[in-house]
Amino acid sequence: MTALGQTTGTLRHFLLGNRNWLAAGALLTLLSSFGQTFFISIFAAKIQADFDLTHGSWGAMYALGTSVSAVVMLWAGGLTDHFRARTLGMVVLVMLAVACLLMALNPYAVLLPLVIFALRLTGQGMTSHIAIVAMARWFVATRGRALSIATLGFSFGEAVLPIIFVALMTLFDWRVLWGLAAAIALLGVPILARLLHEERTPQSMATENQSVGMDGRHWTRTQSLGHPLFWFMVPALLGLSAFGTAFFFQQAHYAAVNGWTHLSLVALFPIYTGVGIVAMVVSGFALDRFGTARLIPFYQLPLVAGFLCFAAADRLAIVALGLVFFAMTTGANSTLPNAFWAEFYGTRHIGSIKAMAAAVMVLGSAIGPLITGILIDWAVPLGTQYVWVAAYFAMTTAAMWFGVARARLRLTVAA
């Protein structure tokens, strides 16, 4: 049998043997879309018009709700170390549906930060966190493959939902569409229950398939905070979330100032999704072969090229090229950072450690729209801002390389 045949057979066996758990992860990552910035930003122009908000005031409300959700995630994320993904996931999906209904029914601008808080905590925060932690804990030798497959839900949501909902907004009021989102989230509850009717518990799987980190031990969240590597990773965690979020958050404004229709811009997103899926799958297999230490320091380099394309774009073809570079990083981001915490800090406390990282990313997603919104109000063009963003990602690459180069020596000790 050829090497390709052996690889295909192994992958088929892996998918069939773990189909329910992988499908549950993909379902959760897909449904997290309703709390992700790329989805909420579809309605940005409608929300600003209905509530008479400037870019800066809308960005500030979004930042406030998102920042509070980041703080709550520090506590809520640790629940994955104590409760089954099935039980916790069903509860969070119901809460996500309620959050979508709040957006559909809310008549007051002053309540928007509360609505954003609910959407961000239950969607971007907990729904995706439950899926990622489950994959990192349940799979050890095949962790990269499991993460790349389960996180396909993110890619599918990014590719399909903007086009569908932007098109539906030509037929229905935007509030009706949030009611539809609530119904879809509720539909996920019985599906998740069915997929995880024979679920692995966090405690048993952590005991049976323990994966230690640096120095051959399991690190607690407090110990992780005290280690320099975490702080070398923070700029990268913060930056991708902040400026990746900002790009999607300002998509309607970006299209308008360049003379394109919103629909023509979102029509490019399937390119982003397709490249992201390829990057996700390739990074997953590369992760299982080489480990995160060799790969993660350089995974944000394509963002430098991507944001330079966005800054210089005078036609949609250049935006498409920028999205290709952007997707190379976001695809790898679905696997590398999520496996990084388990590889360097162990799996016993992965829920609480990952929650800390998730809180940083959620905080970043609050900062990005706020900064770009204020700068737009101050007449700083998005093109200028994106040049600064490209320089920022060059800096994060240098920081990760330095931090990981020092820490990987302690992985050798563990081995």
Protein backbone atom coordinates (compact mmCIF):
# COMPACT_ATOMS: atom_id res chain seq x y z
CA MET A 1 0.00 0.00 0.00
CA THR A 2 1.31 3.47 -0.87
CA ALA A 3 2.00 6.10 1.77
CA LEU A 4 -0.99 8.10 0.47
CA GLY A 5 -3.21 5.06 0.78
CA GLN A 6 -2.04 4.41 4.32
CA THR A 7 -2.65 8.04 5.28
CA THR A 8 -6.14 7.99 3.73
CA GLY A 9 -6.97 4.74 5.48
CA THR A 10 -5.74 6.04 8.81
CA LEU A 11 -7.75 9.24 8.44
CA ARG A 12 -10.89 7.29 7.48
CA HIS A 13 -10.47 5.06 10.51
CA PHE A 14 -9.93 8.10 12.72
CA LEU A 15 -13.05 9.86 11.41
CA LEU A 16 -15.27 6.80 11.70
CA GLY A 17 -14.03 5.86 15.15
CA ASN A 18 -14.51 9.37 16.54
CA ARG A 19 -17.31 10.72 14.35
CA ASN A 20 -19.73 11.64 17.14
CA TRP A 21 -17.17 13.56 19.21
CA LEU A 22 -15.73 15.34 16.18
CA ALA A 23 -19.21 16.22 14.88
CA ALA A 24 -20.16 17.61 18.30
CA GLY A 25 -17.09 19.83 18.24
CA ALA A 26 -17.91 21.04 14.72
CA LEU A 27 -21.52 21.72 15.71
CA LEU A 28 -20.46 23.85 18.67
CA THR A 29 -17.90 25.82 16.67
CA LEU A 30 -20.50 26.44 13.95
CA LEU A 31 -23.16 27.66 16.39
CA SER A 32 -20.62 29.91 18.10
CA SER A 33 -20.89 32.01 14.90
CA PHE A 34 -23.91 33.84 16.34
CA GLY A 35 -21.67 35.41 18.96
CA GLN A 36 -18.69 35.99 16.66
CA THR A 37 -17.82 39.43 15.33
CA PHE A 38 -18.03 38.40 11.67
CA PHE A 39 -21.73 37.61 12.20
CA ILE A 40 -22.69 40.52 14.48
CA SER A 41 -20.94 42.97 12.14
CA ILE A 42 -23.27 41.94 9.31
CA PHE A 43 -25.92 43.98 11.11
CA ALA A 44 -23.64 46.86 12.13
CA ALA A 45 -25.05 49.39 9.67
CA LYS A 46 -28.64 48.51 10.60
CA ILE A 47 -27.91 48.71 14.33
CA GLN A 48 -26.12 52.06 13.97
CA ALA A 49 -28.99 53.45 11.90
CA ASP A 50 -31.78 52.20 14.19
CA PHE A 51 -30.08 53.42 17.37
CA ASP A 52 -28.44 56.54 15.81
CA LEU A 53 -24.87 55.53 16.71
CA THR A 54 -21.55 56.74 15.31
CA HIS A 55 -18.74 54.31 14.51
CA GLY A 56 -17.03 55.30 17.76
CA SER A 57 -20.09 54.94 20.00
CA TRP A 58 -21.05 51.59 18.46
CA GLY A 59 -17.45 50.41 18.85
CA ALA A 60 -17.42 51.56 22.49
CA MET A 61 -20.63 49.67 23.29
CA TYR A 62 -19.25 46.59 21.58
CA ALA A 63 -16.00 46.91 23.51
CA LEU A 64 -17.79 47.31 26.84
CA GLY A 65 -19.96 44.22 26.42
CA THR A 66 -17.07 42.17 25.07
CA SER A 67 -14.66 43.26 27.83
CA VAL A 68 -17.06 42.24 30.58
CA SER A 69 -17.56 38.88 28.86
CA ALA A 70 -13.77 38.41 28.87
CA VAL A 71 -13.68 38.91 32.65
CA VAL A 72 -16.53 36.44 33.19
CA MET A 73 -14.77 33.91 30.94
CA LEU A 74 -11.96 33.64 33.50
CA TRP A 75 -14.47 31.95 35.81
CA ALA A 76 -16.89 30.37 33.35
CA GLY A 77 -14.17 28.77 31.23
CA GLY A 78 -12.96 26.72 34.18
CA LEU A 79 -16.33 24.94 34.31
CA THR A 80 -15.07 22.69 31.51
CA ASP A 81 -12.73 21.06 34.04
CA HIS A 82 -15.71 19.95 36.14
CA PHE A 83 -18.73 19.36 33.87
CA ARG A 84 -19.35 17.19 30.84
CA ALA A 85 -19.27 18.95 27.47
CA ARG A 86 -22.72 17.50 26.77
CA THR A 87 -24.37 19.06 29.81
CA LEU A 88 -22.49 22.35 29.70
CA GLY A 89 -22.89 22.67 25.93
CA MET A 90 -26.67 22.21 26.04
CA VAL A 91 -27.04 24.86 28.75
CA VAL A 92 -24.83 27.34 26.90
CA LEU A 93 -26.70 26.83 23.61
CA VAL A 94 -29.99 27.67 25.33
CA MET A 95 -28.36 30.80 26.75
CA LEU A 96 -27.03 31.68 23.28
CA ALA A 97 -30.55 31.41 21.86
CA VAL A 98 -31.83 33.76 24.57
CA ALA A 99 -29.04 36.23 23.72
CA CYS A 100 -30.06 36.17 20.05
CA LEU A 101 -33.67 36.88 21.06
CA LEU A 102 -32.49 39.81 23.17
CA MET A 103 -30.86 41.32 20.09
CA ALA A 104 -34.05 40.75 18.10
CA LEU A 105 -36.35 42.36 20.69
CA ASN A 106 -34.18 45.05 22.32
CA PRO A 107 -35.67 48.56 21.76
CA TYR A 108 -33.12 50.60 23.74
CA ALA A 109 -29.58 51.64 22.81
CA VAL A 110 -28.56 51.67 26.46
CA LEU A 111 -29.13 47.90 26.63
CA LEU A 112 -26.88 47.11 23.66
CA PRO A 113 -23.76 46.50 25.83
CA LEU A 114 -25.77 43.91 27.81
CA VAL A 115 -26.91 42.20 24.62
CA ILE A 116 -23.37 42.18 23.24
CA PHE A 117 -22.11 40.78 26.55
CA ALA A 118 -24.61 37.90 26.35
CA LEU A 119 -23.79 37.12 22.72
CA ARG A 120 -20.04 37.27 23.20
CA LEU A 121 -19.96 35.22 26.40
CA THR A 122 -22.24 32.44 25.18
CA GLY A 123 -21.16 32.47 21.52
CA GLN A 124 -17.55 33.43 20.96
CA GLY A 125 -16.67 32.63 24.56
CA MET A 126 -18.24 29.49 25.98
CA THR A 127 -19.62 27.64 22.94
CA SER A 128 -16.28 27.63 21.15
CA HIS A 129 -14.35 27.11 24.41
CA ILE A 130 -16.27 23.93 25.25
CA ALA A 131 -15.52 22.50 21.80
CA ILE A 132 -11.81 23.35 21.82
CA VAL A 133 -11.16 22.15 25.36
CA ALA A 134 -12.97 18.88 24.66
CA MET A 135 -10.82 18.19 21.60
CA ALA A 136 -7.59 19.09 23.40
CA ARG A 137 -8.46 16.83 26.31
CA TRP A 138 -10.02 13.87 24.52
CA PHE A 139 -7.26 13.48 21.91
CA VAL A 140 -3.52 13.32 22.56
CA ALA A 141 -1.52 11.76 19.69
CA THR A 142 -4.14 12.95 17.17
CA ARG A 143 -4.86 16.29 18.84
CA GLY A 144 -3.96 18.32 15.74
CA ARG A 145 -6.28 16.34 13.48
CA ALA A 146 -9.12 16.49 15.99
CA LEU A 147 -8.80 20.26 16.38
CA SER A 148 -8.60 20.87 12.62
CA ILE A 149 -11.71 18.78 11.94
CA ALA A 150 -13.81 20.05 14.85
CA THR A 151 -13.03 23.67 14.06
CA LEU A 152 -14.33 23.30 10.51
CA GLY A 153 -17.53 24.69 12.02
CA PHE A 154 -15.84 28.09 12.31
CA SER A 155 -14.89 28.04 8.64
CA PHE A 156 -18.29 26.90 7.44
CA GLY A 157 -19.99 29.63 9.46
CA GLU A 158 -17.64 32.32 8.14
CA ALA A 159 -18.20 31.21 4.54
CA VAL A 160 -21.93 30.64 4.49
CA LEU A 161 -23.65 32.77 7.13
CA PRO A 162 -22.57 36.26 5.92
CA ILE A 163 -23.77 35.60 2.37
CA ILE A 164 -27.05 34.04 3.53
CA PHE A 165 -27.91 36.68 6.10
CA VAL A 166 -26.83 39.68 3.99
CA ALA A 167 -29.05 38.33 1.19
CA LEU A 168 -31.93 37.72 3.63
CA MET A 169 -31.69 41.30 4.87
CA THR A 170 -32.97 42.41 1.47
CA LEU A 171 -36.17 40.48 2.21
CA PHE A 172 -36.61 40.61 6.00
CA ASP A 173 -36.06 43.06 8.82
CA TRP A 174 -32.72 42.49 10.56
CA ARG A 175 -34.47 41.72 13.86
CA VAL A 176 -36.35 38.82 12.29
CA LEU A 177 -33.02 37.31 11.29
CA TRP A 178 -31.82 37.36 14.89
CA GLY A 179 -34.96 35.40 15.75
CA LEU A 180 -33.92 32.88 13.10
CA ALA A 181 -30.48 32.66 14.69
CA ALA A 182 -32.11 31.90 18.05
CA ALA A 183 -34.14 29.08 16.51
CA ILE A 184 -31.04 27.55 14.92
CA ALA A 185 -29.16 27.67 18.24
CA LEU A 186 -32.05 25.89 19.97
CA LEU A 187 -32.12 23.26 17.24
CA GLY A 188 -28.51 22.45 18.16
CA VAL A 189 -29.49 21.34 21.69
CA PRO A 190 -31.09 17.96 20.84
CA ILE A 191 -28.47 17.32 18.14
CA LEU A 192 -25.65 17.83 20.66
CA ALA A 193 -27.41 15.60 23.17
CA ARG A 194 -27.62 12.83 20.59
CA LEU A 195 -24.00 13.14 19.44
CA LEU A 196 -22.65 13.02 23.00
CA HIS A 197 -24.97 10.41 24.49
CA GLU A 198 -21.81 8.38 25.24
CA GLU A 199 -19.49 11.19 26.24
CA ARG A 200 -16.09 10.93 27.85
CA THR A 201 -15.97 12.77 31.15
CA PRO A 202 -13.32 15.44 31.74
CA GLN A 203 -11.92 13.75 34.83
CA SER A 204 -11.69 10.24 33.40
CA MET A 205 -10.15 11.28 30.12
CA ALA A 206 -7.64 13.55 31.82
CA THR A 207 -6.60 10.63 33.98
CA GLU A 208 -6.47 8.00 31.22
CA ASN A 209 -4.72 10.09 28.56
CA GLN A 210 -2.66 12.58 30.49
CA SER A 211 -0.31 14.75 28.49
CA VAL A 212 2.28 16.58 30.56
CA GLY A 213 3.84 19.92 29.70
CA MET A 214 7.19 21.56 30.43
CA ASP A 215 9.37 19.85 33.03
CA GLY A 216 7.18 16.74 32.75
CA ARG A 217 4.35 18.11 34.89
CA HIS A 218 0.86 19.60 34.73
CA TRP A 219 0.84 23.36 35.26
CA THR A 220 -1.94 25.17 37.09
CA ARG A 221 -3.35 28.45 35.86
CA THR A 222 -1.47 30.39 38.54
CA GLN A 223 1.81 28.72 37.61
CA SER A 224 1.19 29.43 33.92
CA LEU A 225 0.64 33.10 34.67
CA GLY A 226 3.97 33.19 36.46
CA HIS A 227 5.89 31.74 33.51
CA PRO A 228 7.39 34.16 30.92
CA LEU A 229 6.17 32.12 27.96
CA PHE A 230 2.56 33.08 28.60
CA TRP A 231 3.40 36.77 28.41
CA PHE A 232 5.42 36.33 25.21
CA MET A 233 2.27 34.80 23.69
CA VAL A 234 -0.15 37.50 24.89
CA PRO A 235 0.59 40.05 22.09
CA ALA A 236 -0.14 37.39 19.47
CA LEU A 237 -3.33 36.23 21.21
CA LEU A 238 -4.48 39.80 21.65
CA GLY A 239 -3.49 41.04 18.20
CA LEU A 240 -5.10 38.41 15.99
CA SER A 241 -8.33 38.66 17.95
CA ALA A 242 -8.26 42.47 18.00
CA PHE A 243 -7.41 43.21 14.39
CA GLY A 244 -8.94 40.12 12.82
CA THR A 245 -12.15 41.09 14.60
CA ALA A 246 -11.74 44.73 13.54
CA PHE A 247 -11.47 43.76 9.88
CA PHE A 248 -14.79 41.94 9.95
CA PHE A 249 -16.37 44.48 12.29
CA GLN A 250 -15.62 47.34 9.86
CA GLN A 251 -16.47 45.35 6.72
CA ALA A 252 -19.46 47.51 5.76
CA HIS A 253 -17.47 50.73 6.23
CA TYR A 254 -14.45 49.24 4.41
CA ALA A 255 -16.63 48.39 1.41
CA ALA A 256 -18.33 51.79 1.43
CA VAL A 257 -15.16 53.91 1.51
CA ASN A 258 -13.70 51.89 -1.36
CA GLY A 259 -16.84 52.17 -3.49
CA TRP A 260 -17.84 48.51 -3.34
CA THR A 261 -21.19 47.04 -2.32
CA HIS A 262 -21.29 45.14 0.95
CA LEU A 263 -22.52 42.03 -0.85
CA SER A 264 -19.60 42.12 -3.32
CA LEU A 265 -17.17 42.18 -0.39
CA VAL A 266 -18.76 39.31 1.55
CA ALA A 267 -18.88 37.34 -1.71
CA LEU A 268 -15.09 37.05 -1.34
CA PHE A 269 -15.36 35.40 2.07
CA PRO A 270 -15.68 31.85 0.64
CA ILE A 271 -12.13 32.33 -0.71
CA TYR A 272 -11.02 33.14 2.81
CA THR A 273 -12.88 30.11 4.11
CA GLY A 274 -11.52 27.72 1.49
CA VAL A 275 -7.91 28.72 2.11
CA GLY A 276 -8.55 28.68 5.85
CA ILE A 277 -9.80 25.09 5.70
CA VAL A 278 -6.72 23.98 3.76
CA ALA A 279 -4.45 25.79 6.22
CA MET A 280 -6.36 24.30 9.13
CA VAL A 281 -6.07 20.72 7.89
CA VAL A 282 -2.41 21.08 6.86
CA SER A 283 -1.51 22.67 10.20
CA GLY A 284 -3.33 19.90 12.05
CA PHE A 285 -1.31 17.16 10.36
CA ALA A 286 1.90 19.20 10.66
CA LEU A 287 1.18 19.69 14.34
CA ASP A 288 0.90 15.96 14.97
CA ARG A 289 4.19 15.43 13.14
CA PHE A 290 6.34 18.35 14.32
CA GLY A 291 4.68 19.75 17.46
CA THR A 292 3.73 23.35 18.17
CA ALA A 293 7.21 24.48 19.24
CA ARG A 294 8.51 24.40 15.66
CA LEU A 295 5.42 25.85 14.02
CA ILE A 296 3.75 28.45 16.22
CA PRO A 297 6.43 31.19 16.21
CA PHE A 298 5.88 31.89 12.50
CA TYR A 299 2.16 31.33 11.95
CA GLN A 300 1.27 35.05 12.08
CA LEU A 301 3.75 36.14 9.40
CA PRO A 302 1.12 35.89 6.60
CA LEU A 303 -0.90 38.55 8.43
CA VAL A 304 1.81 41.09 7.66
CA ALA A 305 1.27 40.55 3.93
CA GLY A 306 -2.50 40.29 4.35
CA PHE A 307 -3.01 43.63 6.06
CA LEU A 308 -0.63 45.36 3.66
CA CYS A 309 -2.90 44.11 0.86
CA PHE A 310 -5.98 45.44 2.66
CA ALA A 311 -4.22 48.80 3.12
CA ALA A 312 -3.27 49.12 -0.55
CA ALA A 313 -6.41 47.60 -2.10
CA ASP A 314 -8.01 49.67 -4.84
CA ARG A 315 -9.92 46.73 -6.30
CA LEU A 316 -11.50 43.57 -4.94
CA ALA A 317 -8.83 41.30 -6.46
CA ILE A 318 -6.24 42.71 -4.04
CA VAL A 319 -8.66 42.22 -1.15
CA ALA A 320 -9.03 38.60 -2.26
CA LEU A 321 -5.24 38.20 -2.16
CA GLY A 322 -5.17 39.73 1.31
CA LEU A 323 -7.86 37.28 2.42
CA VAL A 324 -5.68 34.38 1.21
CA PHE A 325 -2.82 35.51 3.48
CA PHE A 326 -5.26 36.27 6.30
CA ALA A 327 -6.77 32.78 6.01
CA MET A 328 -3.37 31.09 6.16
CA THR A 329 -2.96 32.43 9.69
CA THR A 330 -6.55 32.04 10.88
CA GLY A 331 -6.64 28.47 9.60
CA ALA A 332 -3.48 27.60 11.52
CA ASN A 333 -4.88 29.52 14.48
CA SER A 334 -7.64 26.93 14.79
CA THR A 335 -5.10 24.26 15.72
CA LEU A 336 -1.71 25.62 16.79
CA PRO A 337 -2.56 27.88 19.77
CA ASN A 338 -5.20 25.45 21.06
CA ALA A 339 -2.69 22.59 21.07
CA PHE A 340 0.07 24.88 22.36
CA TRP A 341 -1.44 25.13 25.87
CA ALA A 342 -1.74 21.37 26.22
CA GLU A 343 1.76 20.71 24.86
CA PHE A 344 3.54 23.26 27.04
CA TYR A 345 1.38 23.24 30.19
CA GLY A 346 -0.22 19.77 30.25
CA THR A 347 -3.87 18.70 30.06
CA ARG A 348 -4.96 18.29 33.67
CA HIS A 349 -5.90 21.96 34.08
CA ILE A 350 -6.35 22.73 30.37
CA GLY A 351 -9.87 24.13 30.86
CA SER A 352 -8.85 26.87 33.26
CA ILE A 353 -5.62 27.66 31.38
CA LYS A 354 -7.41 27.82 28.04
CA ALA A 355 -10.08 30.00 29.66
CA MET A 356 -7.37 32.49 30.58
CA ALA A 357 -6.14 32.55 26.99
CA ALA A 358 -9.72 32.81 25.74
CA ALA A 359 -10.29 35.80 28.02
CA VAL A 360 -7.26 37.53 26.47
CA MET A 361 -8.63 36.87 22.98
CA VAL A 362 -12.12 38.05 23.90
CA LEU A 363 -10.57 41.19 25.38
CA GLY A 364 -8.69 41.68 22.11
CA SER A 365 -11.92 41.40 20.17
CA ALA A 366 -13.24 44.27 22.29
CA ILE A 367 -10.18 46.47 21.78
CA GLY A 368 -9.96 46.12 17.99
CA PRO A 369 -13.40 47.51 17.06
CA LEU A 370 -13.05 50.23 19.69
CA ILE A 371 -9.68 51.45 18.37
CA THR A 372 -10.66 51.32 14.70
CA GLY A 373 -14.03 52.94 15.36
CA ILE A 374 -12.50 55.86 17.25
CA LEU A 375 -9.78 56.32 14.63
CA ILE A 376 -12.41 56.37 11.87
CA ASP A 377 -14.27 59.09 13.78
CA TRP A 378 -10.93 60.95 13.96
CA ALA A 379 -10.62 60.67 10.16
CA VAL A 380 -7.75 58.15 10.19
CA PRO A 381 -8.33 55.99 7.07
CA LEU A 382 -8.57 52.23 7.45
CA GLY A 383 -5.73 51.89 4.94
CA THR A 384 -3.39 53.76 7.25
CA GLN A 385 -4.56 51.73 10.23
CA TYR A 386 -3.91 48.46 8.41
CA VAL A 387 -0.27 49.42 7.72
CA TRP A 388 0.18 49.86 11.48
CA VAL A 389 -1.50 46.49 12.04
CA ALA A 390 0.95 44.79 9.66
CA ALA A 391 3.87 46.21 11.67
CA TYR A 392 2.26 44.95 14.88
CA PHE A 393 2.16 41.36 13.59
CA ALA A 394 5.84 41.53 12.65
CA MET A 395 6.47 42.34 16.31
CA THR A 396 4.29 39.48 17.62
CA THR A 397 6.23 37.03 15.45
CA ALA A 398 9.50 38.14 17.01
CA ALA A 399 8.03 37.85 20.51
CA MET A 400 6.73 34.31 19.95
CA TRP A 401 10.01 33.16 18.41
CA PHE A 402 11.99 34.42 21.41
CA GLY A 403 9.61 33.03 24.02
CA VAL A 404 9.20 29.59 22.47
CA ALA A 405 12.94 29.24 21.74
CA ARG A 406 13.61 29.50 25.49
CA ALA A 407 10.68 27.38 26.67
CA ARG A 408 11.09 24.45 24.27
CA LEU A 409 14.26 23.43 26.12
CA ARG A 410 12.05 22.53 29.07
CA LEU A 411 9.98 20.29 26.79
CA THR A 412 13.20 18.40 26.07
CA VAL A 413 13.61 17.90 29.82
CA ALA A 414 10.05 16.58 29.98
CA ALA A 415 10.71 14.11 27.17
